[in-house]
Amino acid sequence: MQETKIILSEKEIPMQWYNIMADMPNLPQPPLNPATKKPVTPEDLSAIFPMSLIEQEVSSQRWIDIPSEVLDIYTLWRPSPLYRARRLEAALKTPARIYYKYEGVSPAGSHKPNTAIPQAYYNKKAGIRRVATETGAGQWGSSMALAGSVFGLEVTVYMVRVSYNQKPYRRIAMETWGATVYPSPSTVTESGRKILQKDPDNNGSLGIAISEAVEDAATHNDTNYALGSVLNHVMLHQTVIGLEAKKQFAVVNDYPDIVIACSGGGSNLAGISFPFIYDKIHGRDTRVIAVEPASCPTLTKGEFRYDFGDTAGLTPFLMMYTLGHDFMPPGIHAGGLRYHGQSPLVSQLYKDGVIEARAYKQLSCFEAAITFSKTEGIIPAPESSHAIKAAIDEALLCREEGKEKCILFNLSGHGYLDLTAYDDYLSGKLIDYEYPKETIKESLARLPMI
C-alpha cells in the first residue's frame, strides 16, 4: 500500500510558534494612532488586548514558547494529518505530487482554533470575563466560542449578516458552545445602529463586524477584543500548521516546490507558508501563492497604504493592501475571504515579491471543490476551494510542461456546515462576480490621507 496520511504523534506538536518578523527582508510600517498619526503604544492597545498578546504583536523574537495549557488543548486535534492526494493526482493525470494539510479535524472544523485557544488563554490569565469578536462565515466565531467554553469566558460574536442568514448551523454551533451571536450590523452597538439607519438592508461586512466588536470591548471594562486574522500575533499562532508540515515532509523525504493557501485576512496563508518562507528567505527555491476571490481582490487590485482595519474607523491605521475600509463586497459563500484589507505581514511580503497572489471567480472554485470531493472524499470549505483551484491549475501546468513538482496546499476547513453553498452551486443559483474597477477606485479614493 502507498502511504496516504503522514501522521505525527502528539509528542511532535511544535513547542514554539515561529515569528517571521525575525527574518523578513523588510518589516511592516508600524500601526498608527488615528488621533495622533504616531505609532500606537502598548497603552493604546491595552483597552482591548491583554499585555501578553500586545508583546507578541510587536515582538521580533524568532521563537515564542507555546504555553503548556495551550498545548494540552491542541492535543484534541493536533498534529493534523498531511495527506498525499494520490486520487486527485490520478484524476488530473499529472506528474505533480500534491499534498494537503487538513485543518478540518479541529472541533470547530477549521484552522481558526489554533489562535482562538491561545487568545482565550491569555485573556483568562489577564482576568478578563468576556470576549467580543466578529466572524464572517462563522469559522472564527465558532472557534472563539469553543475557546471561551474551554476557559470559562463569555463570548459575544458579531456575525456578518449575509453569512448569519446563509449559514445557520455555524450560528447554532456558536450558541451550543455558549456564545451570544448577533447579525451584523446590529442594533446592539452605536456603529451598527448608524449603518442600519443609512441602509436597513445592509448585508454587513467584516469591517462593520470588527467595528461593532471593538466598540463593545472598548466600552466594557471586563471585556477584551479578539481577532481571528490580520494581526501579527494571529499569524504567529497559526504557524503551528506549517511547522508540523515540515516535520511531515521530512518523514517522507519530500519538500514542496509550491505552497498555496486562500487569503482573506491572511491567517490561513501565514499558518501554512511562514515556516517555508523562512527557508525561502534563506535560499530555498519555493513559490508561495496567496489565492483570493475576484469579488474581493485585496492583494491583486488593492493599494498598499495605511487604512483603518474596520469600517467605522475605531481601529489603528494599518499599512496593508486594502480596497478601502468602507468597501462592501458581495455576499459570496466564501465569507471568510470578504475582508477589505490584508495582514500587514502578508502585505509586506507580497510588496517585497516574496509571495505571489492570484484571484479566482467563485464558480471555478466550486468546480475545483467538486473535483476534490469526488477524488479525495472531503467536502472542503468554500474558502479552501480557492486553494484547491490554484493547486489543480499548477498540477495541470505540470502535466502540460512534463514537470514533476511537489505542491502543498492548506485545506483549512471542511464544508459540512456550508452545504447550502454547495446546494446553491449544484442548483445553478450561484453567479460569478468580479468587483468593478470603477467601484474599487471610488472606495480607494476615500482612504485616509496619511
Protein backbone atom coordinates (compact mmCIF):
# COMPACT_ATOMS: atom_id res chain seq x y z
CA MET A 1 0.00 0.00 0.00
CA GLN A 2 1.11 3.53 -0.79
CA GLU A 3 1.12 5.93 2.14
CA THR A 4 -1.81 8.38 2.08
CA LYS A 5 -1.66 10.03 5.51
CA ILE A 6 1.50 11.26 7.18
CA ILE A 7 0.76 11.25 10.91
CA LEU A 8 2.82 12.69 13.75
CA SER A 9 2.47 11.75 17.41
CA GLU A 10 1.21 14.24 20.00
CA LYS A 11 4.78 14.49 21.31
CA GLU A 12 5.73 16.04 17.96
CA ILE A 13 3.41 19.05 18.24
CA PRO A 14 5.67 22.10 17.92
CA MET A 15 6.57 23.54 21.31
CA GLN A 16 7.11 27.04 19.89
CA TRP A 17 5.47 29.31 17.34
CA TYR A 18 7.59 30.83 14.55
CA ASN A 19 7.73 34.62 14.32
CA ILE A 20 8.57 35.68 10.75
CA MET A 21 9.32 39.23 11.96
CA ALA A 22 12.78 37.93 12.90
CA ASP A 23 13.62 37.11 9.27
CA MET A 24 11.63 39.37 6.91
CA PRO A 25 13.63 41.40 4.38
CA ASN A 26 11.62 44.46 5.43
CA LEU A 27 9.40 44.83 8.49
CA PRO A 28 5.92 46.36 8.07
CA GLN A 29 5.43 50.00 8.92
CA PRO A 30 4.02 50.35 12.47
CA PRO A 31 0.30 50.79 13.14
CA LEU A 32 -0.61 54.44 13.71
CA ASN A 33 -2.92 56.04 16.24
CA PRO A 34 -5.63 57.77 14.11
CA ALA A 35 -5.76 60.73 16.50
CA THR A 36 -2.02 61.48 16.63
CA LYS A 37 -0.78 59.81 13.39
CA LYS A 38 2.05 58.42 15.54
CA PRO A 39 2.86 54.73 16.13
CA VAL A 40 0.49 53.10 18.58
CA THR A 41 1.80 52.36 22.05
CA PRO A 42 1.06 49.34 24.25
CA GLU A 43 -1.13 51.67 26.33
CA ASP A 44 -3.21 52.46 23.22
CA LEU A 45 -3.96 48.75 22.77
CA SER A 46 -4.35 47.76 26.42
CA ALA A 47 -8.02 48.75 26.48
CA ILE A 48 -8.93 45.80 24.24
CA PHE A 49 -5.97 43.34 24.36
CA PRO A 50 -4.08 41.64 27.22
CA MET A 51 -0.45 42.72 27.53
CA SER A 52 0.82 39.22 26.69
CA LEU A 53 -0.73 39.43 23.21
CA ILE A 54 0.46 43.03 22.75
CA GLU A 55 4.00 41.83 23.47
CA GLN A 56 3.64 39.10 20.84
CA GLU A 57 2.25 41.65 18.38
CA VAL A 58 5.42 43.74 18.45
CA SER A 59 8.00 41.01 19.14
CA SER A 60 10.83 40.26 16.72
CA GLN A 61 11.92 37.16 18.67
CA ARG A 62 12.11 34.23 16.24
CA TRP A 63 10.67 31.52 18.50
CA ILE A 64 7.94 32.07 21.11
CA ASP A 65 7.06 29.29 23.56
CA ILE A 66 3.58 27.80 23.40
CA PRO A 67 2.13 27.61 26.95
CA SER A 68 1.63 24.10 28.27
CA GLU A 69 -2.06 24.83 28.90
CA VAL A 70 -2.47 25.64 25.20
CA LEU A 71 -0.52 22.56 24.12
CA ASP A 72 -2.79 20.38 26.27
CA ILE A 73 -5.83 21.62 24.34
CA TYR A 74 -4.04 21.43 20.99
CA THR A 75 -3.82 17.66 21.52
CA LEU A 76 -7.58 17.43 20.89
CA TRP A 77 -6.79 17.71 17.15
CA ARG A 78 -3.09 18.37 16.68
CA PRO A 79 -0.96 17.26 14.98
CA SER A 80 -3.30 17.44 11.99
CA PRO A 81 -2.71 14.96 9.15
CA LEU A 82 -0.83 15.70 5.95
CA TYR A 83 -2.42 13.85 3.02
CA ARG A 84 -0.89 12.81 -0.28
CA ALA A 85 -3.69 13.45 -2.79
CA ARG A 86 -2.96 10.41 -4.92
CA ARG A 87 -6.51 10.06 -6.25
CA LEU A 88 -6.60 13.69 -7.29
CA GLU A 89 -3.23 13.28 -8.97
CA ALA A 90 -4.53 10.28 -10.92
CA ALA A 91 -7.71 12.10 -11.98
CA LEU A 92 -5.66 15.03 -13.25
CA LYS A 93 -3.10 12.71 -14.91
CA THR A 94 -0.38 14.95 -13.58
CA PRO A 95 3.22 14.11 -12.72
CA ALA A 96 2.95 16.54 -9.80
CA ARG A 97 2.92 15.29 -6.24
CA ILE A 98 0.04 17.00 -4.43
CA TYR A 99 -0.20 17.21 -0.64
CA TYR A 100 -2.71 18.94 1.59
CA LYS A 101 -2.58 19.77 5.28
CA TYR A 102 -6.06 19.09 6.68
CA GLU A 103 -7.15 21.52 9.39
CA GLY A 104 -10.80 20.42 9.29
CA VAL A 105 -10.06 17.86 12.03
CA SER A 106 -10.32 20.55 14.74
CA PRO A 107 -13.52 20.61 16.85
CA ALA A 108 -14.65 23.76 15.02
CA GLY A 109 -13.81 22.26 11.62
CA SER A 110 -11.17 24.80 10.57
CA HIS A 111 -7.70 26.17 11.33
CA LYS A 112 -9.07 29.01 13.48
CA PRO A 113 -8.82 27.28 16.92
CA ASN A 114 -5.02 27.42 16.55
CA THR A 115 -5.23 31.08 17.60
CA ALA A 116 -8.59 31.12 19.41
CA ILE A 117 -7.28 28.80 22.13
CA PRO A 118 -4.17 30.89 22.99
CA GLN A 119 -6.13 34.14 22.75
CA ALA A 120 -8.70 32.82 25.23
CA TYR A 121 -5.92 31.53 27.46
CA TYR A 122 -4.08 34.86 27.61
CA ASN A 123 -7.31 36.79 28.23
CA LYS A 124 -8.37 34.45 31.01
CA LYS A 125 -4.93 34.75 32.59
CA ALA A 126 -5.30 38.56 32.49
CA GLY A 127 -8.57 38.38 34.46
CA ILE A 128 -10.92 39.15 31.56
CA ARG A 129 -14.52 37.90 31.92
CA ARG A 130 -15.84 38.31 28.37
CA VAL A 131 -14.50 38.45 24.80
CA ALA A 132 -16.18 40.31 21.93
CA THR A 133 -15.34 39.33 18.38
CA GLU A 134 -16.59 39.26 14.80
CA THR A 135 -16.95 36.47 12.27
CA GLY A 136 -17.58 36.21 8.55
CA ALA A 137 -18.62 32.72 7.50
CA GLY A 138 -18.54 31.55 11.11
CA GLN A 139 -15.32 29.55 11.36
CA TRP A 140 -13.67 32.13 13.61
CA GLY A 141 -16.78 32.77 15.70
CA SER A 142 -17.18 29.02 16.22
CA SER A 143 -13.55 28.71 17.25
CA MET A 144 -13.73 31.59 19.71
CA ALA A 145 -16.96 30.18 21.17
CA LEU A 146 -15.20 26.84 21.62
CA ALA A 147 -12.18 28.50 23.24
CA GLY A 148 -14.42 30.51 25.54
CA SER A 149 -16.17 27.36 26.72
CA VAL A 150 -12.81 25.70 27.43
CA PHE A 151 -11.53 28.59 29.58
CA GLY A 152 -14.82 29.76 31.10
CA LEU A 153 -15.09 33.05 29.20
CA GLU A 154 -18.29 34.61 27.94
CA VAL A 155 -18.15 35.24 24.19
CA THR A 156 -20.16 37.73 22.12
CA VAL A 157 -19.97 37.31 18.34
CA TYR A 158 -20.99 39.85 15.69
CA MET A 159 -21.61 37.72 12.60
CA VAL A 160 -21.73 39.31 9.14
CA ARG A 161 -25.44 39.44 8.36
CA VAL A 162 -25.32 37.72 4.95
CA SER A 163 -23.44 34.77 6.50
CA TYR A 164 -25.73 34.79 9.55
CA ASN A 165 -28.59 34.15 7.13
CA GLN A 166 -26.69 31.80 4.78
CA LYS A 167 -25.06 29.62 7.46
CA PRO A 168 -27.45 28.98 10.37
CA TYR A 169 -25.53 25.90 11.50
CA ARG A 170 -22.45 27.99 12.24
CA ARG A 171 -24.59 30.20 14.47
CA ILE A 172 -26.07 27.11 16.16
CA ALA A 173 -22.55 25.75 16.79
CA MET A 174 -21.52 29.02 18.44
CA GLU A 175 -24.63 29.06 20.61
CA THR A 176 -24.12 25.40 21.51
CA TRP A 177 -20.69 26.33 22.89
CA GLY A 178 -22.35 29.12 24.87
CA ALA A 179 -21.71 32.24 22.76
CA THR A 180 -24.19 35.07 22.12
CA VAL A 181 -24.44 35.80 18.39
CA TYR A 182 -25.77 38.97 16.72
CA PRO A 183 -26.22 39.57 12.98
CA SER A 184 -24.01 42.50 11.99
CA PRO A 185 -24.76 45.34 11.54
CA SER A 186 -26.80 45.07 14.73
CA THR A 187 -28.78 47.37 16.96
CA VAL A 188 -26.54 46.48 19.92
CA THR A 189 -23.78 48.99 19.14
CA GLU A 190 -23.70 52.64 18.11
CA SER A 191 -21.70 51.86 14.96
CA GLY A 192 -24.19 49.17 13.96
CA ARG A 193 -27.19 51.42 14.54
CA LYS A 194 -25.67 54.21 12.40
CA ILE A 195 -25.15 51.86 9.49
CA LEU A 196 -28.67 50.45 9.74
CA GLN A 197 -30.11 53.96 9.79
CA LYS A 198 -28.50 54.63 6.42
CA ASP A 199 -29.19 51.17 4.98
CA PRO A 200 -31.67 48.94 6.86
CA ASP A 201 -30.98 46.06 4.43
CA ASN A 202 -27.19 46.21 4.77
CA ASN A 203 -25.67 42.71 4.24
CA GLY A 204 -22.75 43.54 6.50
CA SER A 205 -19.00 43.07 6.08
CA LEU A 206 -16.09 42.00 8.22
CA GLY A 207 -15.10 45.65 8.54
CA ILE A 208 -18.51 46.51 10.03
CA ALA A 209 -18.48 43.50 12.35
CA ILE A 210 -14.99 44.43 13.57
CA SER A 211 -16.25 47.95 14.36
CA GLU A 212 -19.05 46.53 16.48
CA ALA A 213 -16.81 44.11 18.36
CA VAL A 214 -14.12 46.73 19.02
CA GLU A 215 -16.75 49.20 20.25
CA ASP A 216 -18.22 46.54 22.54
CA ALA A 217 -14.80 45.74 24.04
CA ALA A 218 -13.76 49.37 24.39
CA THR A 219 -16.93 50.30 26.28
CA HIS A 220 -16.86 47.43 28.83
CA ASN A 221 -14.07 47.16 31.41
CA ASP A 222 -14.46 43.39 31.79
CA THR A 223 -14.33 42.72 28.03
CA ASN A 224 -11.48 42.38 25.54
CA TYR A 225 -11.48 42.06 21.78
CA ALA A 226 -10.25 39.00 19.85
CA LEU A 227 -9.41 38.97 16.15
CA GLY A 228 -9.22 35.84 14.00
CA SER A 229 -6.85 37.16 11.35
CA VAL A 230 -4.82 40.20 10.16
CA LEU A 231 -2.76 40.96 13.31
CA ASN A 232 0.79 39.72 13.87
CA HIS A 233 0.03 37.58 16.92
CA VAL A 234 -2.69 35.73 14.99
CA MET A 235 -0.23 34.94 12.17
CA LEU A 236 2.22 33.75 14.82
CA HIS A 237 -0.18 31.27 16.41
CA GLN A 238 -1.12 29.75 13.06
CA THR A 239 2.47 28.77 12.20
CA VAL A 240 1.92 25.53 14.07
CA ILE A 241 0.41 24.32 10.77
CA GLY A 242 3.49 24.83 8.64
CA LEU A 243 5.88 23.71 11.36
CA GLU A 244 4.06 20.38 11.56
CA ALA A 245 4.00 20.12 7.77
CA LYS A 246 7.80 20.49 7.61
CA LYS A 247 8.19 17.59 10.04
CA GLN A 248 5.77 15.50 7.98
CA PHE A 249 7.60 16.19 4.73
CA ALA A 250 10.82 15.08 6.43
CA VAL A 251 9.16 11.73 7.23
CA VAL A 252 8.52 11.05 3.51
CA ASN A 253 11.74 12.76 2.33
CA ASP A 254 9.91 15.34 0.25
CA TYR A 255 9.59 19.14 0.18
CA PRO A 256 7.13 21.47 -1.56
CA ASP A 257 8.13 23.46 -4.63
CA ILE A 258 4.86 25.40 -4.32
CA VAL A 259 2.88 26.32 -1.17
CA ILE A 260 -0.70 27.53 -1.66
CA ALA A 261 -3.45 28.89 0.60
CA CYS A 262 -6.50 31.08 0.31
CA SER A 263 -6.07 34.52 1.83
CA GLY A 264 -8.71 36.82 3.27
CA GLY A 265 -7.10 38.44 6.30
CA GLY A 266 -4.00 36.25 5.98
CA SER A 267 -4.01 33.74 8.85
CA ASN A 268 -4.60 30.71 6.63
CA LEU A 269 -1.75 31.62 4.29
CA ALA A 270 0.57 32.62 7.14
CA GLY A 271 -0.05 29.39 9.01
CA ILE A 272 0.96 27.06 6.22
CA SER A 273 3.56 29.23 4.48
CA PHE A 274 5.58 31.25 7.00
CA PRO A 275 7.75 28.31 8.15
CA PHE A 276 8.51 27.56 4.48
CA ILE A 277 9.12 31.26 3.75
CA TYR A 278 11.84 31.06 6.43
CA ASP A 279 13.60 28.55 4.15
CA LYS A 280 12.87 30.70 1.09
CA ILE A 281 14.42 33.75 2.71
CA HIS A 282 17.49 31.64 3.46
CA GLY A 283 17.90 30.43 -0.14
CA ARG A 284 15.35 27.67 -0.78
CA ASP A 285 13.57 27.97 -4.14
CA THR A 286 9.90 27.72 -3.11
CA ARG A 287 6.95 29.62 -4.55
CA VAL A 288 4.17 30.79 -2.19
CA ILE A 289 0.80 31.65 -3.73
CA ALA A 290 -1.98 33.58 -1.98
CA VAL A 291 -5.40 32.99 -3.54
CA GLU A 292 -8.34 35.38 -3.12
CA PRO A 293 -11.83 35.80 -4.60
CA ALA A 294 -12.23 38.03 -7.66
CA SER A 295 -15.12 39.67 -5.80
CA CYS A 296 -12.80 40.86 -3.01
CA PRO A 297 -9.36 41.18 -4.68
CA THR A 298 -7.38 42.85 -1.91
CA LEU A 299 -3.85 41.90 -2.95
CA THR A 300 -4.39 41.78 -6.70
CA LYS A 301 -6.32 45.06 -7.06
CA GLY A 302 -5.93 46.92 -3.77
CA GLU A 303 -3.42 49.61 -2.84
CA PHE A 304 -0.56 49.29 -0.36
CA ARG A 305 -1.13 52.11 2.11
CA TYR A 306 -2.42 52.98 5.56
CA ASP A 307 -6.09 52.32 6.19
CA PHE A 308 -8.44 51.53 9.05
CA GLY A 309 -8.89 47.86 9.86
CA ASP A 310 -12.62 48.41 10.33
CA THR A 311 -15.45 50.33 8.68
CA ALA A 312 -16.27 52.81 11.46
CA GLY A 313 -12.65 53.90 11.93
CA LEU A 314 -12.22 52.64 15.50
CA THR A 315 -9.01 50.69 14.88
CA PRO A 316 -5.46 51.97 14.31
CA PHE A 317 -4.23 52.68 10.80
CA LEU A 318 -2.54 49.59 9.35
CA MET A 319 -0.08 49.58 6.44
CA MET A 320 -1.57 46.91 4.22
CA TYR A 321 -3.09 46.15 0.86
CA THR A 322 -6.63 47.47 1.05
CA LEU A 323 -9.72 48.07 -1.05
CA GLY A 324 -10.87 50.82 1.33
CA HIS A 325 -12.38 50.39 4.78
CA ASP A 326 -15.92 51.13 3.54
CA PHE A 327 -15.59 48.64 0.66
CA MET A 328 -18.74 46.47 0.59
CA PRO A 329 -18.06 43.08 -1.01
CA PRO A 330 -20.89 40.98 -2.48
CA GLY A 331 -22.39 38.14 -0.42
CA ILE A 332 -20.30 35.28 -1.79
CA HIS A 333 -20.34 32.00 0.13
CA ALA A 334 -16.61 32.20 0.93
CA GLY A 335 -17.47 34.61 3.72
CA GLY A 336 -14.11 34.25 5.44
CA LEU A 337 -12.46 35.96 2.45
CA ARG A 338 -14.74 39.02 2.37
CA TYR A 339 -12.33 41.43 4.07
CA HIS A 340 -11.27 44.79 2.65
CA GLY A 341 -7.70 44.58 3.95
CA GLN A 342 -4.90 42.10 4.39
CA SER A 343 -2.44 41.21 7.13
CA PRO A 344 0.41 43.76 7.30
CA LEU A 345 2.88 40.87 7.40
CA VAL A 346 1.40 39.20 4.31
CA SER A 347 1.10 42.60 2.61
CA GLN A 348 4.77 43.41 3.18
CA LEU A 349 5.87 40.00 1.89
CA TYR A 350 3.76 40.50 -1.23
CA LYS A 351 5.11 44.02 -1.69
CA ASP A 352 8.66 42.63 -1.48
CA GLY A 353 7.93 39.87 -4.01
CA VAL A 354 8.38 37.03 -1.52
CA ILE A 355 4.89 35.70 -2.25
CA GLU A 356 2.59 35.74 -5.29
CA ALA A 357 -1.15 36.39 -5.49
CA ARG A 358 -4.00 35.49 -7.83
CA ALA A 359 -7.78 35.86 -7.79
CA TYR A 360 -10.49 33.43 -8.94
CA LYS A 361 -14.23 33.70 -9.53
CA GLN A 362 -16.40 31.51 -7.30
CA LEU A 363 -17.85 29.14 -9.91
CA SER A 364 -14.43 27.82 -10.93
CA CYS A 365 -13.56 27.38 -7.24
CA PHE A 366 -16.68 25.33 -6.57
CA GLU A 367 -15.93 23.26 -9.67
CA ALA A 368 -12.48 22.52 -8.22
CA ALA A 369 -14.06 21.68 -4.84
CA ILE A 370 -16.38 19.16 -6.50
CA THR A 371 -13.43 17.53 -8.28
CA PHE A 372 -11.57 17.34 -4.97
CA SER A 373 -14.53 15.92 -3.04
CA LYS A 374 -15.11 13.23 -5.67
CA THR A 375 -11.48 12.12 -5.59
CA GLU A 376 -10.32 12.75 -2.02
CA GLY A 377 -13.70 12.35 -0.29
CA ILE A 378 -13.66 15.53 1.81
CA ILE A 379 -16.11 18.35 1.04
CA PRO A 380 -13.99 21.49 1.52
CA ALA A 381 -14.99 24.84 2.97
CA PRO A 382 -15.79 27.41 0.25
CA GLU A 383 -12.73 29.40 1.33
CA SER A 384 -10.45 26.38 0.91
CA SER A 385 -11.78 25.76 -2.59
CA HIS A 386 -9.71 28.73 -3.78
CA ALA A 387 -6.50 26.96 -2.74
CA ILE A 388 -7.71 23.74 -4.38
CA LYS A 389 -8.37 25.59 -7.64
CA ALA A 390 -4.84 27.02 -7.65
CA ALA A 391 -3.33 23.62 -6.79
CA ILE A 392 -5.23 21.97 -9.65
CA ASP A 393 -4.12 24.70 -12.06
CA GLU A 394 -0.48 24.23 -11.05
CA ALA A 395 -0.80 20.44 -11.34
CA LEU A 396 -2.29 20.73 -14.84
CA LEU A 397 0.55 23.07 -15.81
CA CYS A 398 2.99 20.37 -14.64
CA ARG A 399 1.18 17.92 -16.94
CA GLU A 400 1.43 20.29 -19.89
CA GLU A 401 5.11 21.01 -19.28
CA GLY A 402 6.01 17.46 -18.26
CA LYS A 403 7.46 18.65 -14.97
CA GLU A 404 7.27 16.75 -11.69
CA LYS A 405 6.78 19.29 -8.89
CA CYS A 406 5.67 18.97 -5.28
CA ILE A 407 2.58 21.06 -4.45
CA LEU A 408 1.29 21.71 -0.93
CA PHE A 409 -1.95 23.48 -0.10
CA ASN A 410 -3.77 24.18 3.12
CA LEU A 411 -7.19 22.53 3.32
CA SER A 412 -8.13 24.95 6.05
CA GLY A 413 -11.55 23.50 6.87
CA HIS A 414 -14.39 21.22 5.87
CA GLY A 415 -17.63 22.36 4.25
CA TYR A 416 -20.15 20.23 6.13
CA LEU A 417 -21.67 23.30 7.77
CA ASP A 418 -21.61 25.11 4.41
CA LEU A 419 -23.70 22.69 2.38
CA THR A 420 -26.15 25.45 1.46
CA ALA A 421 -23.34 26.86 -0.66
CA TYR A 422 -22.99 23.56 -2.49
CA ASP A 423 -26.76 23.33 -2.89
CA ASP A 424 -26.75 26.78 -4.50
CA TYR A 425 -23.89 25.77 -6.79
CA LEU A 426 -25.39 22.43 -7.83
CA SER A 427 -28.79 24.02 -8.48
CA GLY A 428 -27.27 26.76 -10.65
CA LYS A 429 -28.09 29.64 -8.30
CA LEU A 430 -24.53 30.93 -7.93
CA ILE A 431 -23.13 33.52 -10.29
CA ASP A 432 -19.63 34.78 -10.88
CA TYR A 433 -18.89 38.26 -9.68
CA GLU A 434 -15.78 40.31 -10.33
CA TYR A 435 -15.77 43.62 -8.48
CA PRO A 436 -15.81 46.53 -10.98
CA LYS A 437 -12.58 48.52 -11.19
CA GLU A 438 -14.57 51.75 -11.05
CA THR A 439 -16.19 50.82 -7.74
CA ILE A 440 -12.84 49.82 -6.24
CA LYS A 441 -11.39 53.14 -7.44
CA GLU A 442 -14.20 55.04 -5.72
CA SER A 443 -13.62 53.17 -2.46
CA LEU A 444 -9.85 53.75 -2.61
CA ALA A 445 -10.44 57.47 -3.21
CA ARG A 446 -11.98 57.68 0.27
CA LEU A 447 -8.93 56.27 2.04
CA PRO A 448 -7.46 58.44 4.82
CA MET A 449 -4.57 60.63 3.74
CA ILE A 450 -1.53 59.74 5.85
